Amino acid sequence: MTRMYSFFLCLVCLMLTGCGYFYSGTWEDDDDNWERAYGYEKPDDIDVVHSWYWRSPHFTVEYELYMETTLNKNILQSFLSKGDLVQRPGDASESIKDLVGYDTRPDWFVPKTLDKYETWVGRVPVEFELFIDRETGHLYWHEIQL
């Protein structure tokens, strides 16, 4: 009976640590959000203005990310060079609040009407949207995988 109990206890511990319970949560403007999202330390040449990251305690990777950075040509080139994004026209009367799926959107994310941004959308490999502020050059992106 003791062997069976030990085996069961080990199995439960393995399942709990592998299911994301210890990696789940919500973090806003946390310096570690880049690493949480991408699995490596943020490069020094990237200036993150705002970030919001949520990860579920599910056994598969489920997360949502909102990020704002100053203009960084390396990031922009890496996003656009993959060829998986399609440009979406901005409507002067439309705001980000009008789009479906932005229930958790932080107030700082895409605060102007959509015509003020160059907008790109795609699935690379997750749902992805990139907004480039036409005036400041700031990059806003949203990723979600559920």
N, C-alpha and C. Protein backbone atom coordinates (compact mmCIF):
# COMPACT_ATOMS: atom_id res chain seq x y z
N MET A 1 0.82 -1.19 0.00
CA MET A 1 0.00 0.00 0.00
C MET A 1 0.87 1.26 0.00
N THR A 2 1.97 1.24 0.68
CA THR A 2 2.85 2.40 0.76
C THR A 2 3.46 2.71 -0.61
N ARG A 3 3.82 1.66 -1.37
CA ARG A 3 4.37 1.88 -2.71
C ARG A 3 3.34 2.53 -3.62
N MET A 4 2.12 2.06 -3.53
CA MET A 4 1.05 2.61 -4.36
C MET A 4 0.78 4.06 -3.99
N TYR A 5 0.78 4.37 -2.70
CA TYR A 5 0.58 5.74 -2.24
C TYR A 5 1.71 6.64 -2.74
N SER A 6 2.96 6.19 -2.65
CA SER A 6 4.11 6.96 -3.12
C SER A 6 4.03 7.20 -4.62
N PHE A 7 3.66 6.17 -5.36
CA PHE A 7 3.53 6.31 -6.81
C PHE A 7 2.45 7.34 -7.14
N PHE A 8 1.31 7.25 -6.47
CA PHE A 8 0.22 8.17 -6.70
C PHE A 8 0.63 9.60 -6.36
N LEU A 9 1.32 9.77 -5.24
CA LEU A 9 1.79 11.10 -4.82
C LEU A 9 2.76 11.68 -5.84
N CYS A 10 3.68 10.87 -6.34
CA CYS A 10 4.63 11.34 -7.37
C CYS A 10 3.89 11.71 -8.65
N LEU A 11 2.91 10.92 -9.02
CA LEU A 11 2.14 11.19 -10.22
C LEU A 11 1.38 12.51 -10.10
N VAL A 12 0.76 12.74 -8.96
CA VAL A 12 0.03 13.99 -8.74
C VAL A 12 0.99 15.18 -8.78
N CYS A 13 2.14 15.08 -8.14
CA CYS A 13 3.13 16.16 -8.14
C CYS A 13 3.61 16.45 -9.56
N LEU A 14 3.86 15.43 -10.33
CA LEU A 14 4.30 15.59 -11.71
C LEU A 14 3.22 16.29 -12.54
N MET A 15 1.98 15.89 -12.35
CA MET A 15 0.89 16.50 -13.09
C MET A 15 0.71 17.97 -12.70
N LEU A 16 0.82 18.29 -11.43
CA LEU A 16 0.65 19.67 -10.99
C LEU A 16 1.74 20.58 -11.54
N THR A 17 2.98 20.12 -11.51
CA THR A 17 4.07 20.97 -12.00
C THR A 17 4.06 21.07 -13.51
N GLY A 18 3.54 20.09 -14.19
CA GLY A 18 3.48 20.13 -15.65
C GLY A 18 2.26 20.84 -16.19
N CYS A 19 1.33 21.20 -15.37
CA CYS A 19 0.07 21.78 -15.83
C CYS A 19 0.06 23.30 -15.82
N GLY A 20 1.13 23.93 -15.47
CA GLY A 20 1.19 25.37 -15.52
C GLY A 20 0.70 26.10 -14.29
N TYR A 21 0.34 25.36 -13.23
CA TYR A 21 -0.16 26.04 -12.04
C TYR A 21 0.88 26.97 -11.42
N PHE A 22 2.14 26.62 -11.55
CA PHE A 22 3.19 27.44 -10.95
C PHE A 22 3.64 28.56 -11.88
N TYR A 23 3.14 28.57 -13.12
CA TYR A 23 3.53 29.58 -14.09
C TYR A 23 2.35 30.45 -14.51
N SER A 24 1.23 30.32 -13.85
CA SER A 24 0.04 31.06 -14.25
C SER A 24 -0.09 32.35 -13.43
N GLY A 25 -0.85 33.29 -14.00
CA GLY A 25 -1.09 34.55 -13.32
C GLY A 25 -1.26 35.68 -14.31
N THR A 26 -1.34 36.88 -13.78
CA THR A 26 -1.46 38.10 -14.59
C THR A 26 -0.43 39.09 -14.07
N TRP A 27 0.34 39.68 -14.99
CA TRP A 27 1.37 40.63 -14.63
C TRP A 27 1.24 41.85 -15.54
N GLU A 28 1.23 43.04 -14.94
CA GLU A 28 1.16 44.28 -15.71
C GLU A 28 2.42 45.11 -15.46
N ASP A 29 3.01 45.57 -16.55
CA ASP A 29 4.23 46.38 -16.51
C ASP A 29 5.32 45.75 -15.66
N ASP A 30 5.43 44.46 -15.74
CA ASP A 30 6.45 43.70 -15.02
C ASP A 30 7.67 43.53 -15.93
N ASP A 31 8.85 43.76 -15.39
CA ASP A 31 10.08 43.65 -16.18
C ASP A 31 10.30 42.26 -16.76
N ASP A 32 9.69 41.25 -16.18
CA ASP A 32 9.87 39.87 -16.65
C ASP A 32 8.84 39.44 -17.69
N ASN A 33 7.94 40.32 -18.10
CA ASN A 33 6.90 39.92 -19.05
C ASN A 33 7.47 39.48 -20.39
N TRP A 34 8.52 40.12 -20.87
CA TRP A 34 9.13 39.72 -22.13
C TRP A 34 9.61 38.26 -22.04
N GLU A 35 10.31 37.96 -20.98
CA GLU A 35 10.83 36.61 -20.80
C GLU A 35 9.69 35.60 -20.60
N ARG A 36 8.65 35.98 -19.89
CA ARG A 36 7.50 35.09 -19.72
C ARG A 36 6.88 34.76 -21.08
N ALA A 37 6.76 35.77 -21.92
CA ALA A 37 6.09 35.59 -23.21
C ALA A 37 6.96 34.86 -24.22
N TYR A 38 8.25 35.17 -24.26
CA TYR A 38 9.10 34.68 -25.34
C TYR A 38 10.16 33.68 -24.91
N GLY A 39 10.34 33.49 -23.62
CA GLY A 39 11.26 32.47 -23.15
C GLY A 39 12.72 32.87 -23.14
N TYR A 40 13.02 34.13 -23.41
CA TYR A 40 14.39 34.61 -23.31
C TYR A 40 14.39 36.05 -22.80
N GLU A 41 15.51 36.47 -22.29
CA GLU A 41 15.63 37.80 -21.70
C GLU A 41 15.45 38.88 -22.76
N LYS A 42 14.81 39.97 -22.38
CA LYS A 42 14.58 41.08 -23.30
C LYS A 42 15.91 41.66 -23.76
N PRO A 43 16.09 41.81 -25.08
CA PRO A 43 17.31 42.45 -25.57
C PRO A 43 17.43 43.89 -25.08
N ASP A 44 18.64 44.35 -24.88
CA ASP A 44 18.88 45.69 -24.35
C ASP A 44 18.37 46.80 -25.26
N ASP A 45 18.30 46.56 -26.56
CA ASP A 45 17.89 47.61 -27.49
C ASP A 45 16.37 47.76 -27.61
N ILE A 46 15.62 47.01 -26.82
CA ILE A 46 14.16 47.10 -26.85
C ILE A 46 13.69 47.85 -25.61
N ASP A 47 12.93 48.91 -25.86
CA ASP A 47 12.40 49.73 -24.77
C ASP A 47 10.91 49.45 -24.62
N VAL A 48 10.55 48.66 -23.62
CA VAL A 48 9.15 48.33 -23.35
C VAL A 48 8.53 49.47 -22.55
N VAL A 49 7.48 50.07 -23.11
CA VAL A 49 6.78 51.16 -22.44
C VAL A 49 5.73 50.58 -21.49
N HIS A 50 4.94 49.63 -22.00
CA HIS A 50 3.92 48.95 -21.21
C HIS A 50 3.84 47.49 -21.62
N SER A 51 3.42 46.67 -20.68
CA SER A 51 3.18 45.26 -21.00
C SER A 51 2.12 44.71 -20.05
N TRP A 52 1.39 43.75 -20.56
CA TRP A 52 0.37 43.04 -19.79
C TRP A 52 0.39 41.61 -20.27
N TYR A 53 0.58 40.66 -19.34
CA TYR A 53 0.68 39.25 -19.71
C TYR A 53 -0.16 38.41 -18.76
N TRP A 54 -0.94 37.49 -19.35
CA TRP A 54 -1.75 36.57 -18.58
C TRP A 54 -1.48 35.16 -19.10
N ARG A 55 -1.34 34.22 -18.17
CA ARG A 55 -1.19 32.82 -18.53
C ARG A 55 -2.11 31.99 -17.64
N SER A 56 -2.81 31.07 -18.29
CA SER A 56 -3.77 30.24 -17.55
C SER A 56 -3.05 29.08 -16.87
N PRO A 57 -3.70 28.49 -15.87
CA PRO A 57 -3.12 27.32 -15.20
C PRO A 57 -3.48 26.02 -15.92
N HIS A 58 -3.61 26.06 -17.21
CA HIS A 58 -4.02 24.91 -18.02
C HIS A 58 -2.80 24.07 -18.38
N PHE A 59 -3.01 22.80 -18.72
CA PHE A 59 -1.89 21.92 -19.06
C PHE A 59 -1.32 22.23 -20.44
N THR A 60 -2.08 22.95 -21.29
CA THR A 60 -1.52 23.45 -22.54
C THR A 60 -1.19 24.92 -22.33
N VAL A 61 -0.39 25.49 -23.20
CA VAL A 61 -0.01 26.89 -23.06
C VAL A 61 -1.15 27.77 -23.56
N GLU A 62 -1.76 28.48 -22.65
CA GLU A 62 -2.80 29.45 -22.96
C GLU A 62 -2.38 30.78 -22.36
N TYR A 63 -2.30 31.80 -23.22
CA TYR A 63 -1.84 33.09 -22.73
C TYR A 63 -2.41 34.22 -23.57
N GLU A 64 -2.26 35.43 -23.04
CA GLU A 64 -2.60 36.64 -23.77
C GLU A 64 -1.56 37.69 -23.41
N LEU A 65 -1.12 38.44 -24.42
CA LEU A 65 -0.08 39.44 -24.24
C LEU A 65 -0.47 40.73 -24.94
N TYR A 66 -0.31 41.84 -24.23
CA TYR A 66 -0.39 43.18 -24.80
C TYR A 66 0.96 43.83 -24.53
N MET A 67 1.55 44.43 -25.56
CA MET A 67 2.87 45.02 -25.39
C MET A 67 2.93 46.34 -26.16
N GLU A 68 3.60 47.33 -25.58
CA GLU A 68 3.90 48.58 -26.26
C GLU A 68 5.39 48.82 -26.12
N THR A 69 6.04 49.08 -27.26
CA THR A 69 7.46 49.43 -27.25
C THR A 69 7.65 50.70 -28.07
N THR A 70 8.75 51.37 -27.84
CA THR A 70 9.12 52.46 -28.73
C THR A 70 9.51 51.85 -30.06
N LEU A 71 9.61 52.67 -31.09
CA LEU A 71 9.96 52.17 -32.41
C LEU A 71 11.28 51.42 -32.35
N ASN A 72 11.27 50.20 -32.82
CA ASN A 72 12.47 49.37 -32.90
C ASN A 72 12.42 48.69 -34.26
N LYS A 73 13.31 49.10 -35.14
CA LYS A 73 13.29 48.59 -36.52
C LYS A 73 13.56 47.09 -36.59
N ASN A 74 14.32 46.55 -35.65
CA ASN A 74 14.59 45.10 -35.64
C ASN A 74 13.32 44.30 -35.35
N ILE A 75 12.56 44.74 -34.34
CA ILE A 75 11.30 44.06 -34.02
C ILE A 75 10.34 44.19 -35.19
N LEU A 76 10.20 45.41 -35.70
CA LEU A 76 9.28 45.65 -36.79
C LEU A 76 9.63 44.79 -38.01
N GLN A 77 10.90 44.75 -38.34
CA GLN A 77 11.34 43.94 -39.48
C GLN A 77 11.06 42.45 -39.25
N SER A 78 11.29 41.97 -38.03
CA SER A 78 11.06 40.55 -37.76
C SER A 78 9.57 40.21 -37.86
N PHE A 79 8.70 41.12 -37.45
CA PHE A 79 7.26 40.89 -37.57
C PHE A 79 6.83 40.87 -39.04
N LEU A 80 7.28 41.88 -39.80
CA LEU A 80 6.80 42.05 -41.16
C LEU A 80 7.49 41.15 -42.18
N SER A 81 8.70 40.71 -41.90
CA SER A 81 9.45 39.91 -42.87
C SER A 81 8.95 38.47 -42.99
N LYS A 82 8.23 38.00 -42.01
CA LYS A 82 7.74 36.62 -42.06
C LYS A 82 6.71 36.42 -43.15
N GLY A 83 6.03 37.48 -43.56
CA GLY A 83 5.07 37.40 -44.64
C GLY A 83 3.73 36.79 -44.25
N ASP A 84 3.51 36.56 -42.96
CA ASP A 84 2.26 35.96 -42.50
C ASP A 84 1.22 36.99 -42.11
N LEU A 85 1.59 38.25 -42.11
CA LEU A 85 0.67 39.30 -41.69
C LEU A 85 0.04 39.99 -42.90
N VAL A 86 -1.20 40.43 -42.71
CA VAL A 86 -1.93 41.13 -43.75
C VAL A 86 -2.30 42.50 -43.20
N GLN A 87 -2.10 43.53 -44.03
CA GLN A 87 -2.43 44.86 -43.57
C GLN A 87 -3.94 45.06 -43.57
N ARG A 88 -4.41 45.69 -42.49
CA ARG A 88 -5.84 45.97 -42.30
C ARG A 88 -6.01 47.48 -42.31
N PRO A 89 -6.95 47.99 -43.12
CA PRO A 89 -7.15 49.45 -43.14
C PRO A 89 -7.75 49.95 -41.84
N GLY A 90 -7.34 51.14 -41.42
CA GLY A 90 -7.89 51.74 -40.22
C GLY A 90 -9.07 52.63 -40.57
N ASP A 91 -10.11 52.58 -39.80
CA ASP A 91 -11.32 53.37 -40.02
C ASP A 91 -11.29 54.53 -39.02
N ALA A 92 -11.49 55.74 -39.52
CA ALA A 92 -11.40 56.94 -38.68
C ALA A 92 -12.41 56.94 -37.54
N SER A 93 -13.52 56.26 -37.72
CA SER A 93 -14.54 56.27 -36.68
C SER A 93 -14.43 55.09 -35.73
N GLU A 94 -13.55 54.17 -36.05
CA GLU A 94 -13.46 52.92 -35.28
C GLU A 94 -12.35 53.01 -34.23
N SER A 95 -12.65 52.55 -33.04
CA SER A 95 -11.62 52.47 -32.01
C SER A 95 -11.37 51.01 -31.69
N ILE A 96 -10.31 50.76 -30.95
CA ILE A 96 -9.98 49.38 -30.58
C ILE A 96 -11.11 48.77 -29.75
N LYS A 97 -11.86 49.58 -29.05
CA LYS A 97 -12.98 49.09 -28.23
C LYS A 97 -14.09 48.49 -29.10
N ASP A 98 -14.14 48.92 -30.39
CA ASP A 98 -15.16 48.42 -31.30
C ASP A 98 -14.84 47.02 -31.82
N LEU A 99 -13.61 46.60 -31.70
CA LEU A 99 -13.21 45.30 -32.22
C LEU A 99 -13.57 44.20 -31.24
N VAL A 100 -13.86 43.04 -31.74
CA VAL A 100 -14.24 41.89 -30.92
C VAL A 100 -13.00 41.32 -30.24
N GLY A 101 -13.14 40.88 -29.00
CA GLY A 101 -12.07 40.17 -28.33
C GLY A 101 -11.11 41.03 -27.52
N TYR A 102 -11.49 42.24 -27.21
CA TYR A 102 -10.60 43.10 -26.44
C TYR A 102 -11.15 43.39 -25.05
N ASP A 103 -11.73 42.38 -24.43
CA ASP A 103 -12.31 42.54 -23.11
C ASP A 103 -11.26 42.85 -22.05
N THR A 104 -10.07 42.30 -22.20
CA THR A 104 -9.02 42.47 -21.19
C THR A 104 -8.04 43.58 -21.55
N ARG A 105 -8.29 44.29 -22.63
CA ARG A 105 -7.37 45.30 -23.14
C ARG A 105 -7.07 46.38 -22.09
N PRO A 106 -5.78 46.59 -21.81
CA PRO A 106 -5.43 47.69 -20.89
C PRO A 106 -5.75 49.04 -21.54
N ASP A 107 -6.00 50.06 -20.74
CA ASP A 107 -6.35 51.39 -21.26
C ASP A 107 -5.26 52.00 -22.13
N TRP A 108 -4.00 51.68 -21.89
CA TRP A 108 -2.90 52.26 -22.65
C TRP A 108 -2.74 51.62 -24.04
N PHE A 109 -3.41 50.51 -24.29
CA PHE A 109 -3.22 49.80 -25.55
C PHE A 109 -4.06 50.42 -26.66
N VAL A 110 -3.38 50.96 -27.69
CA VAL A 110 -4.01 51.58 -28.86
C VAL A 110 -5.07 52.59 -28.42
N PRO A 111 -4.63 53.70 -27.80
CA PRO A 111 -5.59 54.65 -27.25
C PRO A 111 -6.27 55.57 -28.27
N LYS A 112 -5.75 55.64 -29.49
CA LYS A 112 -6.31 56.53 -30.52
C LYS A 112 -7.26 55.74 -31.43
N THR A 113 -7.96 56.46 -32.31
CA THR A 113 -8.79 55.76 -33.30
C THR A 113 -7.88 54.99 -34.25
N LEU A 114 -8.42 53.95 -34.85
CA LEU A 114 -7.61 53.02 -35.63
C LEU A 114 -6.98 53.62 -36.88
N ASP A 115 -7.52 54.73 -37.40
CA ASP A 115 -6.91 55.36 -38.57
C ASP A 115 -5.54 55.99 -38.24
N LYS A 116 -5.23 56.11 -36.96
CA LYS A 116 -3.94 56.68 -36.54
C LYS A 116 -2.83 55.63 -36.51
N TYR A 117 -3.18 54.38 -36.87
CA TYR A 117 -2.23 53.27 -36.81
C TYR A 117 -2.16 52.55 -38.15
N GLU A 118 -0.99 52.06 -38.45
CA GLU A 118 -0.85 51.07 -39.51
C GLU A 118 -1.11 49.74 -38.81
N THR A 119 -2.04 48.96 -39.32
CA THR A 119 -2.49 47.77 -38.62
C THR A 119 -2.23 46.52 -39.44
N TRP A 120 -1.64 45.53 -38.79
CA TRP A 120 -1.34 44.24 -39.41
C TRP A 120 -1.94 43.14 -38.56
N VAL A 121 -2.50 42.12 -39.19
CA VAL A 121 -3.11 41.01 -38.47
C VAL A 121 -2.67 39.68 -39.09
N GLY A 122 -2.71 38.63 -38.29
CA GLY A 122 -2.37 37.31 -38.80
C GLY A 122 -2.38 36.26 -37.71
N ARG A 123 -1.96 35.08 -38.10
CA ARG A 123 -1.84 33.95 -37.17
C ARG A 123 -0.44 33.38 -37.38
N VAL A 124 0.50 33.77 -36.54
CA VAL A 124 1.91 33.41 -36.76
C VAL A 124 2.62 32.89 -35.51
N PRO A 125 2.42 31.74 -34.96
CA PRO A 125 1.36 30.75 -35.16
C PRO A 125 0.14 31.02 -34.28
N VAL A 126 0.16 32.11 -33.52
CA VAL A 126 -0.98 32.45 -32.66
C VAL A 126 -1.71 33.63 -33.28
N GLU A 127 -2.90 33.95 -32.76
CA GLU A 127 -3.57 35.15 -33.24
C GLU A 127 -2.70 36.35 -32.86
N PHE A 128 -2.44 37.19 -33.84
CA PHE A 128 -1.48 38.27 -33.65
C PHE A 128 -1.98 39.53 -34.34
N GLU A 129 -1.81 40.67 -33.67
CA GLU A 129 -2.14 41.96 -34.25
C GLU A 129 -1.04 42.95 -33.90
N LEU A 130 -0.62 43.71 -34.88
CA LEU A 130 0.41 44.72 -34.71
C LEU A 130 -0.16 46.06 -35.13
N PHE A 131 -0.03 47.05 -34.25
CA PHE A 131 -0.48 48.40 -34.52
C PHE A 131 0.75 49.31 -34.43
N ILE A 132 1.01 50.06 -35.50
CA ILE A 132 2.15 50.98 -35.53
C ILE A 132 1.59 52.39 -35.51
N ASP A 133 1.89 53.13 -34.46
CA ASP A 133 1.41 54.50 -34.33
C ASP A 133 2.07 55.35 -35.42
N ARG A 134 1.26 55.93 -36.29
CA ARG A 134 1.78 56.70 -37.43
C ARG A 134 2.53 57.96 -36.98
N GLU A 135 2.22 58.48 -35.80
CA GLU A 135 2.85 59.71 -35.32
C GLU A 135 4.12 59.41 -34.51
N THR A 136 4.04 58.53 -33.54
CA THR A 136 5.16 58.29 -32.64
C THR A 136 6.04 57.11 -33.07
N GLY A 137 5.49 56.21 -33.88
CA GLY A 137 6.23 55.02 -34.27
C GLY A 137 6.16 53.91 -33.23
N HIS A 138 5.48 54.15 -32.12
CA HIS A 138 5.37 53.10 -31.10
C HIS A 138 4.70 51.87 -31.70
N LEU A 139 5.17 50.71 -31.26
CA LEU A 139 4.62 49.44 -31.70
C LEU A 139 3.74 48.89 -30.58
N TYR A 140 2.53 48.53 -30.94
CA TYR A 140 1.60 47.89 -30.01
C TYR A 140 1.28 46.53 -30.61
N TRP A 141 1.45 45.48 -29.82
CA TRP A 141 1.02 44.20 -30.35
C TRP A 141 0.28 43.39 -29.32
N HIS A 142 -0.58 42.55 -29.88
CA HIS A 142 -1.45 41.70 -29.08
C HIS A 142 -1.32 40.28 -29.61
N GLU A 143 -1.08 39.35 -28.71
CA GLU A 143 -1.04 37.93 -29.04
C GLU A 143 -1.97 37.20 -28.11
N ILE A 144 -2.64 36.19 -28.66
CA ILE A 144 -3.49 35.36 -27.81
C ILE A 144 -3.47 33.93 -28.32
N GLN A 145 -3.33 33.01 -27.40
CA GLN A 145 -3.40 31.59 -27.71
C GLN A 145 -4.24 30.92 -26.65
N LEU A 146 -5.38 30.40 -27.06
CA LEU A 146 -6.27 29.72 -26.13
C LEU A 146 -6.53 28.31 -26.61
